[in-house]
Amino acid sequence: MKQSPVYGPEAFAKDTGVSRETLARLKAYADLLALWNKKINLVGRSTEPEVWQRHMLDSAQLFPLIPAGTRTLLDMGSGAGFPGLVLAILGVPQVHLVESDQRKCAFLREAARMTQAPATIYAKRIEALAAFPVDVVTARALAPVAELLDWSARFISEKTTCIFPKGQNVEVELTEAHKRWRITVDQRPSRTDSRGTILCISEVRRVQSEQSS
């Protein structure tokens, strides 16, 4: 049986339309990831051959969903930089990567330096980060929606959009989130997971605060 070709940078470029310069920066990022992943657990070893689809494209598919005029993006639990560092390389002007694992932060700093990405790395938990307003909040495979909103609430204004890739339990998560939050939700299908959904959440307000006012 003939094996399907591995999804690589050329296929990624075809699917996303990125420039040669941007693709070269993403290749450098992928090469550094493969090197560091031998020493620290940045991504699952089994997913290394699928890095361009499972991690790069999975992150890049969020870029067209970012509202026009966005300047600042907060990526919670950045890990190896997905999706935040990819979005910085693709063109978001100011990206803030929050990651509590010191070794992963060391990788993120080197990856941002090598790719000249406009990223600031915070080696701390999101709860310990001083609040500042952002246009977009992202988080990938970090926590249920309700918890993500709890953590990001201090950074959210009435104009902020939260973009969260989610799996097959998305409806359960949204049901729980609606108990604590009033939110407007736009669901988009994932390009990399047939069971996945990308949530674009806006107009975030606490239910309790509204009831008590």
N, C-alpha and C. Protein backbone atom coordinates (compact mmCIF):
# COMPACT_ATOMS: atom_id res chain seq x y z
N MET A 1 0.83 -1.20 0.00
CA MET A 1 0.00 0.00 0.00
C MET A 1 0.87 1.25 0.00
N LYS A 2 0.61 2.19 -0.91
CA LYS A 2 1.40 3.40 -1.01
C LYS A 2 1.06 4.36 0.11
N GLN A 3 2.10 4.87 0.79
CA GLN A 3 1.89 5.79 1.90
C GLN A 3 1.60 7.20 1.38
N SER A 4 0.76 7.92 2.09
CA SER A 4 0.47 9.30 1.74
C SER A 4 1.70 10.16 2.03
N PRO A 5 2.00 11.13 1.18
CA PRO A 5 3.15 12.00 1.44
C PRO A 5 2.96 12.79 2.72
N VAL A 6 4.05 13.01 3.43
CA VAL A 6 4.00 13.79 4.66
C VAL A 6 3.69 15.24 4.33
N TYR A 7 2.79 15.84 5.09
CA TYR A 7 2.44 17.25 4.92
C TYR A 7 3.62 18.09 5.37
N GLY A 8 4.18 18.86 4.45
CA GLY A 8 5.38 19.63 4.75
C GLY A 8 5.23 21.11 4.47
N PRO A 9 6.35 21.84 4.46
CA PRO A 9 6.30 23.30 4.29
C PRO A 9 5.71 23.74 2.95
N GLU A 10 5.94 22.97 1.90
CA GLU A 10 5.39 23.35 0.60
C GLU A 10 3.87 23.30 0.62
N ALA A 11 3.33 22.24 1.19
CA ALA A 11 1.87 22.11 1.30
C ALA A 11 1.31 23.21 2.19
N PHE A 12 2.04 23.52 3.27
CA PHE A 12 1.63 24.59 4.17
C PHE A 12 1.56 25.92 3.42
N ALA A 13 2.60 26.20 2.63
CA ALA A 13 2.64 27.46 1.87
C ALA A 13 1.48 27.53 0.88
N LYS A 14 1.16 26.41 0.26
CA LYS A 14 0.06 26.38 -0.70
C LYS A 14 -1.27 26.64 -0.02
N ASP A 15 -1.44 26.07 1.18
CA ASP A 15 -2.71 26.21 1.91
C ASP A 15 -2.89 27.58 2.55
N THR A 16 -1.80 28.24 2.89
CA THR A 16 -1.89 29.50 3.63
C THR A 16 -1.53 30.73 2.79
N GLY A 17 -0.79 30.52 1.71
CA GLY A 17 -0.39 31.65 0.88
C GLY A 17 0.68 32.53 1.49
N VAL A 18 1.47 32.01 2.42
CA VAL A 18 2.52 32.81 3.04
C VAL A 18 3.64 33.10 2.05
N SER A 19 4.35 34.17 2.29
CA SER A 19 5.47 34.55 1.43
C SER A 19 6.66 33.62 1.65
N ARG A 20 7.63 33.67 0.74
CA ARG A 20 8.84 32.86 0.88
C ARG A 20 9.61 33.23 2.14
N GLU A 21 9.64 34.53 2.43
CA GLU A 21 10.35 34.99 3.62
C GLU A 21 9.69 34.45 4.90
N THR A 22 8.37 34.52 4.95
CA THR A 22 7.66 34.01 6.13
C THR A 22 7.84 32.51 6.24
N LEU A 23 7.78 31.80 5.13
CA LEU A 23 7.98 30.35 5.15
C LEU A 23 9.37 30.00 5.65
N ALA A 24 10.37 30.77 5.24
CA ALA A 24 11.75 30.52 5.70
C ALA A 24 11.86 30.70 7.21
N ARG A 25 11.18 31.69 7.75
CA ARG A 25 11.19 31.91 9.20
C ARG A 25 10.50 30.76 9.93
N LEU A 26 9.40 30.28 9.36
CA LEU A 26 8.69 29.15 9.97
C LEU A 26 9.53 27.86 9.87
N LYS A 27 10.27 27.70 8.78
CA LYS A 27 11.16 26.54 8.66
C LYS A 27 12.24 26.57 9.73
N ALA A 28 12.80 27.76 9.96
CA ALA A 28 13.82 27.90 11.01
C ALA A 28 13.24 27.55 12.37
N TYR A 29 12.03 27.97 12.61
CA TYR A 29 11.30 27.65 13.85
C TYR A 29 11.12 26.14 13.97
N ALA A 30 10.67 25.49 12.90
CA ALA A 30 10.44 24.04 12.92
C ALA A 30 11.75 23.28 13.15
N ASP A 31 12.83 23.74 12.54
CA ASP A 31 14.13 23.08 12.72
C ASP A 31 14.61 23.22 14.16
N LEU A 32 14.44 24.41 14.73
CA LEU A 32 14.84 24.62 16.12
C LEU A 32 14.00 23.76 17.06
N LEU A 33 12.71 23.66 16.76
CA LEU A 33 11.81 22.82 17.56
C LEU A 33 12.27 21.37 17.56
N ALA A 34 12.63 20.84 16.40
CA ALA A 34 13.08 19.46 16.30
C ALA A 34 14.37 19.25 17.10
N LEU A 35 15.25 20.24 17.08
CA LEU A 35 16.51 20.15 17.82
C LEU A 35 16.28 20.15 19.32
N TRP A 36 15.50 21.11 19.79
CA TRP A 36 15.24 21.23 21.23
C TRP A 36 14.37 20.10 21.75
N ASN A 37 13.50 19.56 20.89
CA ASN A 37 12.58 18.52 21.35
C ASN A 37 13.30 17.24 21.75
N LYS A 38 14.56 17.12 21.34
CA LYS A 38 15.35 15.95 21.73
C LYS A 38 15.74 16.02 23.20
N LYS A 39 15.74 17.23 23.75
CA LYS A 39 16.18 17.43 25.13
C LYS A 39 15.03 17.74 26.09
N ILE A 40 14.06 18.52 25.63
CA ILE A 40 12.91 18.84 26.48
C ILE A 40 11.63 18.54 25.72
N ASN A 41 10.58 18.25 26.45
CA ASN A 41 9.32 17.86 25.83
C ASN A 41 8.52 19.08 25.40
N LEU A 42 8.73 19.52 24.17
CA LEU A 42 8.00 20.67 23.64
C LEU A 42 6.70 20.23 22.98
N VAL A 43 6.79 19.21 22.14
CA VAL A 43 5.61 18.58 21.52
C VAL A 43 5.79 17.08 21.61
N GLY A 44 4.70 16.34 21.53
CA GLY A 44 4.78 14.88 21.58
C GLY A 44 5.68 14.35 20.48
N ARG A 45 6.57 13.44 20.83
CA ARG A 45 7.51 12.90 19.83
C ARG A 45 6.77 12.29 18.64
N SER A 46 5.62 11.72 18.89
CA SER A 46 4.87 11.08 17.81
C SER A 46 4.32 12.09 16.81
N THR A 47 4.23 13.36 17.23
CA THR A 47 3.68 14.39 16.33
C THR A 47 4.77 15.13 15.55
N GLU A 48 6.04 14.83 15.82
CA GLU A 48 7.12 15.53 15.12
C GLU A 48 7.01 15.43 13.59
N PRO A 49 6.72 14.24 13.01
CA PRO A 49 6.62 14.17 11.55
C PRO A 49 5.43 14.96 11.00
N GLU A 50 4.49 15.32 11.87
CA GLU A 50 3.28 16.03 11.44
C GLU A 50 3.29 17.50 11.86
N VAL A 51 4.47 18.02 12.16
CA VAL A 51 4.55 19.36 12.75
C VAL A 51 3.93 20.43 11.85
N TRP A 52 4.06 20.29 10.54
CA TRP A 52 3.55 21.34 9.66
C TRP A 52 2.03 21.38 9.58
N GLN A 53 1.40 20.23 9.75
CA GLN A 53 -0.07 20.22 9.74
C GLN A 53 -0.63 20.32 11.14
N ARG A 54 -0.13 19.50 12.03
CA ARG A 54 -0.70 19.38 13.37
C ARG A 54 -0.42 20.59 14.26
N HIS A 55 0.69 21.26 14.00
CA HIS A 55 1.05 22.40 14.84
C HIS A 55 1.10 23.73 14.08
N MET A 56 1.83 23.76 12.96
CA MET A 56 1.95 25.00 12.20
C MET A 56 0.62 25.42 11.57
N LEU A 57 0.00 24.55 10.78
CA LEU A 57 -1.27 24.89 10.13
C LEU A 57 -2.38 25.05 11.16
N ASP A 58 -2.35 24.21 12.20
CA ASP A 58 -3.37 24.31 13.24
C ASP A 58 -3.34 25.68 13.90
N SER A 59 -2.14 26.27 14.00
CA SER A 59 -2.00 27.62 14.56
C SER A 59 -2.31 28.68 13.52
N ALA A 60 -1.78 28.50 12.30
CA ALA A 60 -1.94 29.50 11.25
C ALA A 60 -3.40 29.71 10.83
N GLN A 61 -4.22 28.68 11.00
CA GLN A 61 -5.62 28.83 10.60
C GLN A 61 -6.37 29.86 11.45
N LEU A 62 -5.79 30.27 12.57
CA LEU A 62 -6.41 31.30 13.40
C LEU A 62 -6.16 32.70 12.84
N PHE A 63 -5.11 32.85 12.05
CA PHE A 63 -4.72 34.19 11.59
C PHE A 63 -5.82 34.91 10.82
N PRO A 64 -6.51 34.26 9.88
CA PRO A 64 -7.59 34.97 9.16
C PRO A 64 -8.77 35.35 10.05
N LEU A 65 -8.86 34.77 11.24
CA LEU A 65 -9.96 35.05 12.15
C LEU A 65 -9.67 36.24 13.07
N ILE A 66 -8.43 36.72 13.05
CA ILE A 66 -8.05 37.85 13.89
C ILE A 66 -8.64 39.13 13.30
N PRO A 67 -9.35 39.92 14.10
CA PRO A 67 -10.00 41.13 13.58
C PRO A 67 -9.00 42.11 12.97
N ALA A 68 -9.43 42.79 11.92
CA ALA A 68 -8.60 43.81 11.29
C ALA A 68 -8.25 44.90 12.30
N GLY A 69 -7.05 45.39 12.24
CA GLY A 69 -6.61 46.43 13.15
C GLY A 69 -6.04 45.93 14.46
N THR A 70 -5.99 44.62 14.65
CA THR A 70 -5.44 44.05 15.88
C THR A 70 -3.97 44.41 16.03
N ARG A 71 -3.62 44.87 17.22
CA ARG A 71 -2.23 45.22 17.52
C ARG A 71 -1.61 44.27 18.54
N THR A 72 -2.40 43.91 19.57
CA THR A 72 -1.84 43.12 20.67
C THR A 72 -2.59 41.81 20.83
N LEU A 73 -1.82 40.74 21.03
CA LEU A 73 -2.39 39.42 21.23
C LEU A 73 -1.75 38.77 22.44
N LEU A 74 -2.56 38.19 23.30
CA LEU A 74 -2.10 37.46 24.48
C LEU A 74 -2.33 35.97 24.26
N ASP A 75 -1.25 35.18 24.32
CA ASP A 75 -1.35 33.73 24.15
C ASP A 75 -1.06 33.07 25.50
N MET A 76 -2.06 32.43 26.07
CA MET A 76 -1.93 31.82 27.40
C MET A 76 -1.46 30.38 27.28
N GLY A 77 -0.51 30.01 28.13
CA GLY A 77 0.01 28.64 28.10
C GLY A 77 0.65 28.32 26.77
N SER A 78 1.61 29.14 26.36
CA SER A 78 2.14 29.06 25.00
C SER A 78 2.89 27.78 24.67
N GLY A 79 3.47 27.13 25.68
CA GLY A 79 4.17 25.87 25.41
C GLY A 79 5.32 26.06 24.45
N ALA A 80 5.23 25.40 23.29
CA ALA A 80 6.27 25.50 22.26
C ALA A 80 6.02 26.66 21.31
N GLY A 81 4.98 27.46 21.59
CA GLY A 81 4.72 28.63 20.76
C GLY A 81 3.52 28.52 19.85
N PHE A 82 2.71 27.50 20.08
CA PHE A 82 1.50 27.31 19.26
C PHE A 82 0.26 27.70 20.07
N PRO A 83 -0.54 28.64 19.57
CA PRO A 83 -0.43 29.30 18.27
C PRO A 83 0.32 30.63 18.28
N GLY A 84 0.67 31.16 19.45
CA GLY A 84 1.12 32.54 19.56
C GLY A 84 2.32 32.92 18.73
N LEU A 85 3.39 32.09 18.77
CA LEU A 85 4.59 32.45 18.03
C LEU A 85 4.36 32.37 16.52
N VAL A 86 3.58 31.41 16.08
CA VAL A 86 3.24 31.32 14.66
C VAL A 86 2.50 32.58 14.22
N LEU A 87 1.56 33.04 15.03
CA LEU A 87 0.79 34.24 14.69
C LEU A 87 1.67 35.48 14.67
N ALA A 88 2.68 35.51 15.54
CA ALA A 88 3.63 36.63 15.52
C ALA A 88 4.43 36.62 14.22
N ILE A 89 4.88 35.46 13.81
CA ILE A 89 5.64 35.34 12.56
C ILE A 89 4.77 35.70 11.36
N LEU A 90 3.50 35.38 11.44
CA LEU A 90 2.59 35.67 10.33
C LEU A 90 2.23 37.14 10.23
N GLY A 91 2.45 37.91 11.31
CA GLY A 91 2.23 39.34 11.17
C GLY A 91 1.48 40.07 12.26
N VAL A 92 1.08 39.41 13.35
CA VAL A 92 0.46 40.16 14.46
C VAL A 92 1.54 41.05 15.09
N PRO A 93 1.31 42.35 15.22
CA PRO A 93 2.38 43.28 15.61
C PRO A 93 2.99 43.06 16.99
N GLN A 94 2.16 42.76 18.00
CA GLN A 94 2.66 42.61 19.36
C GLN A 94 2.03 41.36 19.98
N VAL A 95 2.84 40.34 20.20
CA VAL A 95 2.33 39.09 20.76
C VAL A 95 2.99 38.84 22.11
N HIS A 96 2.16 38.54 23.09
CA HIS A 96 2.63 38.28 24.45
C HIS A 96 2.43 36.79 24.75
N LEU A 97 3.52 36.07 24.95
CA LEU A 97 3.48 34.63 25.20
C LEU A 97 3.67 34.38 26.70
N VAL A 98 2.71 33.71 27.30
CA VAL A 98 2.76 33.44 28.74
C VAL A 98 2.92 31.94 28.95
N GLU A 99 4.01 31.55 29.60
CA GLU A 99 4.33 30.14 29.81
C GLU A 99 5.07 29.99 31.13
N SER A 100 4.59 29.10 32.00
CA SER A 100 5.18 28.96 33.33
C SER A 100 6.40 28.05 33.36
N ASP A 101 6.59 27.20 32.34
CA ASP A 101 7.72 26.28 32.29
C ASP A 101 8.97 27.05 31.82
N GLN A 102 9.97 27.11 32.69
CA GLN A 102 11.16 27.91 32.39
C GLN A 102 11.93 27.40 31.17
N ARG A 103 11.99 26.08 31.00
CA ARG A 103 12.72 25.53 29.85
C ARG A 103 12.02 25.85 28.54
N LYS A 104 10.69 25.80 28.56
CA LYS A 104 9.94 26.16 27.35
C LYS A 104 10.11 27.64 27.05
N CYS A 105 10.19 28.45 28.09
CA CYS A 105 10.42 29.89 27.89
C CYS A 105 11.79 30.14 27.25
N ALA A 106 12.79 29.37 27.66
CA ALA A 106 14.11 29.50 27.05
C ALA A 106 14.03 29.19 25.55
N PHE A 107 13.28 28.16 25.21
CA PHE A 107 13.09 27.83 23.79
C PHE A 107 12.36 28.96 23.07
N LEU A 108 11.30 29.48 23.68
CA LEU A 108 10.51 30.54 23.04
C LEU A 108 11.37 31.78 22.79
N ARG A 109 12.24 32.13 23.73
CA ARG A 109 13.11 33.29 23.55
C ARG A 109 14.05 33.08 22.36
N GLU A 110 14.62 31.88 22.27
CA GLU A 110 15.53 31.61 21.16
C GLU A 110 14.79 31.56 19.83
N ALA A 111 13.60 30.97 19.83
CA ALA A 111 12.80 30.90 18.60
C ALA A 111 12.37 32.29 18.15
N ALA A 112 11.98 33.14 19.09
CA ALA A 112 11.58 34.50 18.75
C ALA A 112 12.76 35.30 18.22
N ARG A 113 13.93 35.10 18.84
CA ARG A 113 15.14 35.80 18.38
C ARG A 113 15.51 35.35 16.96
N MET A 114 15.51 34.05 16.73
CA MET A 114 15.92 33.51 15.44
C MET A 114 14.99 33.93 14.31
N THR A 115 13.70 33.98 14.61
CA THR A 115 12.70 34.30 13.57
C THR A 115 12.37 35.78 13.52
N GLN A 116 12.97 36.55 14.44
CA GLN A 116 12.70 38.00 14.53
C GLN A 116 11.20 38.27 14.71
N ALA A 117 10.58 37.43 15.49
CA ALA A 117 9.14 37.57 15.75
C ALA A 117 8.90 38.64 16.82
N PRO A 118 7.86 39.45 16.65
CA PRO A 118 7.54 40.50 17.63
C PRO A 118 6.84 39.93 18.85
N ALA A 119 7.59 39.14 19.63
CA ALA A 119 7.00 38.43 20.77
C ALA A 119 7.71 38.77 22.06
N THR A 120 6.93 38.94 23.12
CA THR A 120 7.44 39.13 24.48
C THR A 120 7.07 37.90 25.28
N ILE A 121 8.05 37.32 25.96
CA ILE A 121 7.83 36.07 26.69
C ILE A 121 7.80 36.34 28.19
N TYR A 122 6.79 35.80 28.87
CA TYR A 122 6.63 35.93 30.31
C TYR A 122 6.74 34.55 30.95
N ALA A 123 7.76 34.36 31.77
CA ALA A 123 7.98 33.07 32.42
C ALA A 123 7.23 33.03 33.75
N LYS A 124 5.92 32.93 33.66
CA LYS A 124 5.09 32.91 34.86
C LYS A 124 3.70 32.39 34.51
N ARG A 125 2.92 32.14 35.52
CA ARG A 125 1.53 31.73 35.31
C ARG A 125 0.70 32.96 34.95
N ILE A 126 -0.36 32.75 34.20
CA ILE A 126 -1.18 33.87 33.75
C ILE A 126 -1.76 34.65 34.94
N GLU A 127 -2.04 33.94 36.05
CA GLU A 127 -2.60 34.61 37.22
C GLU A 127 -1.62 35.60 37.84
N ALA A 128 -0.32 35.40 37.61
CA ALA A 128 0.70 36.26 38.21
C ALA A 128 1.12 37.41 37.31
N LEU A 129 0.56 37.46 36.11
CA LEU A 129 0.93 38.50 35.15
C LEU A 129 0.10 39.75 35.38
N ALA A 130 0.75 40.90 35.46
CA ALA A 130 0.03 42.16 35.61
C ALA A 130 -0.86 42.40 34.40
N ALA A 131 -2.05 42.89 34.64
CA ALA A 131 -3.03 43.05 33.57
C ALA A 131 -2.69 44.21 32.65
N PHE A 132 -2.98 44.04 31.38
CA PHE A 132 -2.90 45.10 30.38
C PHE A 132 -3.91 44.76 29.29
N PRO A 133 -4.47 45.77 28.62
CA PRO A 133 -5.51 45.50 27.63
C PRO A 133 -4.95 44.88 26.36
N VAL A 134 -5.66 43.91 25.81
CA VAL A 134 -5.24 43.27 24.55
C VAL A 134 -6.43 43.21 23.59
N ASP A 135 -6.11 43.08 22.32
CA ASP A 135 -7.15 42.99 21.30
C ASP A 135 -7.65 41.56 21.11
N VAL A 136 -6.73 40.59 21.26
CA VAL A 136 -7.07 39.19 21.03
C VAL A 136 -6.42 38.33 22.11
N VAL A 137 -7.15 37.30 22.56
CA VAL A 137 -6.62 36.30 23.47
C VAL A 137 -6.70 34.95 22.78
N THR A 138 -5.61 34.17 22.84
CA THR A 138 -5.61 32.82 22.31
C THR A 138 -5.13 31.84 23.37
N ALA A 139 -5.51 30.59 23.20
CA ALA A 139 -5.03 29.50 24.05
C ALA A 139 -5.34 28.19 23.33
N ARG A 140 -4.39 27.29 23.32
CA ARG A 140 -4.54 26.02 22.61
C ARG A 140 -4.29 24.87 23.57
N ALA A 141 -5.29 24.00 23.70
CA ALA A 141 -5.17 22.79 24.52
C ALA A 141 -4.72 23.11 25.94
N LEU A 142 -5.33 24.13 26.54
CA LEU A 142 -4.91 24.57 27.86
C LEU A 142 -5.92 24.25 28.95
N ALA A 143 -7.20 24.60 28.75
CA ALA A 143 -8.23 24.44 29.77
C ALA A 143 -9.60 24.60 29.14
N PRO A 144 -10.67 24.24 29.87
CA PRO A 144 -12.02 24.47 29.37
C PRO A 144 -12.30 25.96 29.18
N VAL A 145 -13.30 26.28 28.37
CA VAL A 145 -13.62 27.66 28.02
C VAL A 145 -13.85 28.53 29.24
N ALA A 146 -14.63 28.04 30.21
CA ALA A 146 -14.95 28.84 31.40
C ALA A 146 -13.68 29.27 32.14
N GLU A 147 -12.73 28.35 32.28
CA GLU A 147 -11.48 28.68 32.96
C GLU A 147 -10.64 29.65 32.14
N LEU A 148 -10.63 29.47 30.83
CA LEU A 148 -9.88 30.39 29.98
C LEU A 148 -10.41 31.82 30.13
N LEU A 149 -11.73 31.95 30.20
CA LEU A 149 -12.33 33.27 30.39
C LEU A 149 -12.02 33.83 31.77
N ASP A 150 -12.03 32.97 32.79
CA ASP A 150 -11.66 33.41 34.14
C ASP A 150 -10.24 34.00 34.14
N TRP A 151 -9.31 33.28 33.52
CA TRP A 151 -7.91 33.70 33.53
C TRP A 151 -7.67 34.96 32.71
N SER A 152 -8.39 35.09 31.61
CA SER A 152 -8.13 36.21 30.70
C SER A 152 -8.98 37.44 30.98
N ALA A 153 -9.92 37.35 31.91
CA ALA A 153 -10.87 38.44 32.15
C ALA A 153 -10.19 39.78 32.41
N ARG A 154 -9.06 39.77 33.12
CA ARG A 154 -8.38 41.02 33.48
C ARG A 154 -7.78 41.73 32.27
N PHE A 155 -7.63 41.01 31.17
CA PHE A 155 -7.01 41.57 29.98
C PHE A 155 -8.05 41.95 28.91
N ILE A 156 -9.30 41.59 29.17
CA ILE A 156 -10.35 41.73 28.15
C ILE A 156 -11.11 43.05 28.31
N SER A 157 -11.34 43.70 27.18
CA SER A 157 -12.23 44.87 27.12
C SER A 157 -13.43 44.50 26.26
N GLU A 158 -14.32 45.46 26.08
CA GLU A 158 -15.51 45.19 25.27
C GLU A 158 -15.17 44.94 23.81
N LYS A 159 -13.94 45.28 23.41
CA LYS A 159 -13.52 45.11 22.01
C LYS A 159 -12.65 43.87 21.79
N THR A 160 -12.35 43.15 22.86
CA THR A 160 -11.46 41.99 22.76
C THR A 160 -12.16 40.77 22.18
N THR A 161 -11.43 40.03 21.34
CA THR A 161 -11.92 38.76 20.81
C THR A 161 -11.05 37.63 21.35
N CYS A 162 -11.68 36.56 21.83
CA CYS A 162 -10.97 35.37 22.28
C CYS A 162 -11.10 34.30 21.20
N ILE A 163 -9.98 33.74 20.79
CA ILE A 163 -9.98 32.72 19.75
C ILE A 163 -9.39 31.44 20.33
N PHE A 164 -10.26 30.44 20.53
CA PHE A 164 -9.86 29.21 21.20
C PHE A 164 -10.14 27.99 20.31
N PRO A 165 -9.12 27.28 19.84
CA PRO A 165 -9.36 26.00 19.16
C PRO A 165 -9.85 24.97 20.18
N LYS A 166 -10.88 24.22 19.82
CA LYS A 166 -11.47 23.26 20.74
C LYS A 166 -11.75 21.94 20.03
N GLY A 167 -11.90 20.87 20.84
CA GLY A 167 -12.17 19.54 20.32
C GLY A 167 -13.63 19.18 20.36
N GLN A 168 -13.90 17.88 20.45
CA GLN A 168 -15.26 17.40 20.32
C GLN A 168 -16.14 17.69 21.53
N ASN A 169 -15.55 18.11 22.66
CA ASN A 169 -16.34 18.41 23.86
C ASN A 169 -16.74 19.89 23.94
N VAL A 170 -16.68 20.58 22.83
CA VAL A 170 -16.88 22.02 22.84
C VAL A 170 -18.25 22.42 23.37
N GLU A 171 -19.30 21.68 23.05
CA GLU A 171 -20.64 22.05 23.50
C GLU A 171 -20.78 21.95 25.01
N VAL A 172 -20.17 20.93 25.59
CA VAL A 172 -20.17 20.78 27.05
C VAL A 172 -19.45 21.96 27.69
N GLU A 173 -18.32 22.33 27.12
CA GLU A 173 -17.55 23.46 27.65
C GLU A 173 -18.34 24.76 27.55
N LEU A 174 -19.03 24.96 26.43
CA LEU A 174 -19.80 26.18 26.26
C LEU A 174 -20.97 26.24 27.23
N THR A 175 -21.61 25.11 27.48
CA THR A 175 -22.71 25.07 28.44
C THR A 175 -22.23 25.52 29.81
N GLU A 176 -21.07 25.05 30.23
CA GLU A 176 -20.51 25.45 31.52
C GLU A 176 -20.12 26.92 31.51
N ALA A 177 -19.55 27.38 30.41
CA ALA A 177 -19.12 28.78 30.31
C ALA A 177 -20.30 29.73 30.41
N HIS A 178 -21.44 29.37 29.81
CA HIS A 178 -22.61 30.24 29.83
C HIS A 178 -23.20 30.41 31.23
N LYS A 179 -22.85 29.52 32.16
CA LYS A 179 -23.32 29.66 33.54
C LYS A 179 -22.65 30.84 34.23
N ARG A 180 -21.44 31.20 33.80
CA ARG A 180 -20.67 32.26 34.46
C ARG A 180 -20.46 33.48 33.58
N TRP A 181 -20.69 33.31 32.27
CA TRP A 181 -20.36 34.39 31.34
C TRP A 181 -21.47 34.62 30.32
N ARG A 182 -21.67 35.87 29.98
CA ARG A 182 -22.49 36.20 28.82
C ARG A 182 -21.53 36.46 27.67
N ILE A 183 -21.63 35.68 26.63
CA ILE A 183 -20.66 35.76 25.54
C ILE A 183 -21.38 35.60 24.20
N THR A 184 -20.78 36.20 23.19
CA THR A 184 -21.22 35.99 21.81
C THR A 184 -20.21 35.04 21.17
N VAL A 185 -20.71 33.93 20.63
CA VAL A 185 -19.83 32.87 20.13
C VAL A 185 -20.05 32.63 18.64
N ASP A 186 -18.96 32.65 17.90
CA ASP A 186 -18.96 32.30 16.48
C ASP A 186 -18.11 31.04 16.35
N GLN A 187 -18.70 29.94 15.87
CA GLN A 187 -17.98 28.68 15.75
C GLN A 187 -17.56 28.45 14.30
N ARG A 188 -16.29 28.12 14.12
CA ARG A 188 -15.74 27.83 12.80
C ARG A 188 -15.16 26.42 12.78
N PRO A 189 -15.30 25.68 11.69
CA PRO A 189 -14.71 24.35 11.63
C PRO A 189 -13.19 24.40 11.55
N SER A 190 -12.53 23.46 12.19
CA SER A 190 -11.08 23.37 12.13
C SER A 190 -10.64 22.78 10.80
N ARG A 191 -9.53 23.29 10.27
CA ARG A 191 -8.99 22.77 9.01
C ARG A 191 -8.10 21.57 9.25
N THR A 192 -7.74 21.31 10.50
CA THR A 192 -6.79 20.24 10.79
C THR A 192 -7.39 19.08 11.58
N ASP A 193 -8.61 19.24 12.06
CA ASP A 193 -9.26 18.21 12.87
C ASP A 193 -10.74 18.18 12.51
N SER A 194 -11.19 17.07 11.94
CA SER A 194 -12.58 16.98 11.51
C SER A 194 -13.56 17.09 12.67
N ARG A 195 -13.09 16.80 13.89
CA ARG A 195 -13.94 16.92 15.08
C ARG A 195 -13.72 18.23 15.82
N GLY A 196 -12.81 19.06 15.30
CA GLY A 196 -12.43 20.28 16.00
C GLY A 196 -13.25 21.49 15.58
N THR A 197 -13.27 22.47 16.46
CA THR A 197 -13.98 23.73 16.26
C THR A 197 -13.11 24.88 16.76
N ILE A 198 -13.18 26.00 16.08
CA ILE A 198 -12.50 27.19 16.56
C ILE A 198 -13.56 28.17 17.06
N LEU A 199 -13.46 28.54 18.32
CA LEU A 199 -14.41 29.48 18.91
C LEU A 199 -13.87 30.90 18.82
N CYS A 200 -14.67 31.79 18.27
CA CYS A 200 -14.37 33.22 18.29
C CYS A 200 -15.38 33.86 19.24
N ILE A 201 -14.91 34.26 20.40
CA ILE A 201 -15.78 34.74 21.48
C ILE A 201 -15.58 36.24 21.68
N SER A 202 -16.69 36.97 21.71
CA SER A 202 -16.63 38.42 21.90
C SER A 202 -17.72 38.85 22.87
N GLU A 203 -17.73 40.14 23.19
CA GLU A 203 -18.73 40.71 24.11
C GLU A 203 -18.80 39.91 25.42
N VAL A 204 -17.64 39.73 26.03
CA VAL A 204 -17.52 38.90 27.23
C VAL A 204 -17.89 39.71 28.47
N ARG A 205 -18.88 39.21 29.21
CA ARG A 205 -19.31 39.86 30.45
C ARG A 205 -19.68 38.79 31.48
N ARG A 206 -19.38 39.06 32.73
CA ARG A 206 -19.70 38.10 33.78
C ARG A 206 -21.20 38.09 34.05
N VAL A 207 -21.78 36.93 34.22
CA VAL A 207 -23.20 36.80 34.53
C VAL A 207 -23.47 37.39 35.91
N GLN A 208 -22.67 37.06 36.91
CA GLN A 208 -22.89 37.48 38.28
C GLN A 208 -22.88 39.00 38.41
N SER A 209 -21.94 39.66 37.76
CA SER A 209 -21.84 41.11 37.88
C SER A 209 -23.06 41.80 37.30
N GLU A 210 -23.62 41.22 36.24
CA GLU A 210 -24.80 41.81 35.65
C GLU A 210 -26.02 41.65 36.57
N GLN A 211 -26.12 40.48 37.18
CA GLN A 211 -27.26 40.21 38.06
C GLN A 211 -27.23 41.05 39.32
N SER A 212 -26.02 41.39 39.76
CA SER A 212 -25.90 42.14 41.01
C SER A 212 -25.97 43.64 40.81
N SER A 213 -25.92 44.08 39.54
CA SER A 213 -25.95 45.52 39.28
C SER A 213 -27.36 46.05 39.21
